[in-house]
């Protein structure tokens, strides 16, 4: 009786990467997609109207409330019929890293249909993060876009992330 061991080798051809594949960071797409409003949500037209007016009149609007109070829902309702494109970023603790935050801000703006290639080129070239935030702000300053940083309190303990958000707001306000 013969006994033996067979070796199985599977050959696979690597899929060639394009230049855009090499330059595209891996992203969690759901972070840059606004959540859907549930059908069971109770409309709050007065809250939505006040928020809509604030958003229309100010370059930066912060919505503060306790967890579960409905901040995300209120913002979604306020933006429901907005003529602006919506660049949505659901922030989490990992976005405290400035490069990651900028990458996701760029992705949110790209998802909303805006060309942010200049800012991404600057980021890849090693331009300081606060400067890249300024380039992003310049890119969108005259565009009809609303940028939402949902759960921004999750990066509140990061001075670098707060500096980026501050720079973005400052340059948008000029």
Foldseek 3Di string as FASTA:
>chain_A
DDDDDDDDDDDDDDDDDDPVNVLQDDDDVVQFDQDDDDPPDDDDVVLLVVVLVCQVPALDDDDDDDPPPCPSVSPCSNCVPPPAQEQGGADALVCLPLLNVLSSSCVSVVVSPFDLVVLSVCVVVPNDSLVSLLSVLVRPLPGRYDYYHHPVVNNVVRPSSVSSVVSNRVNSRD
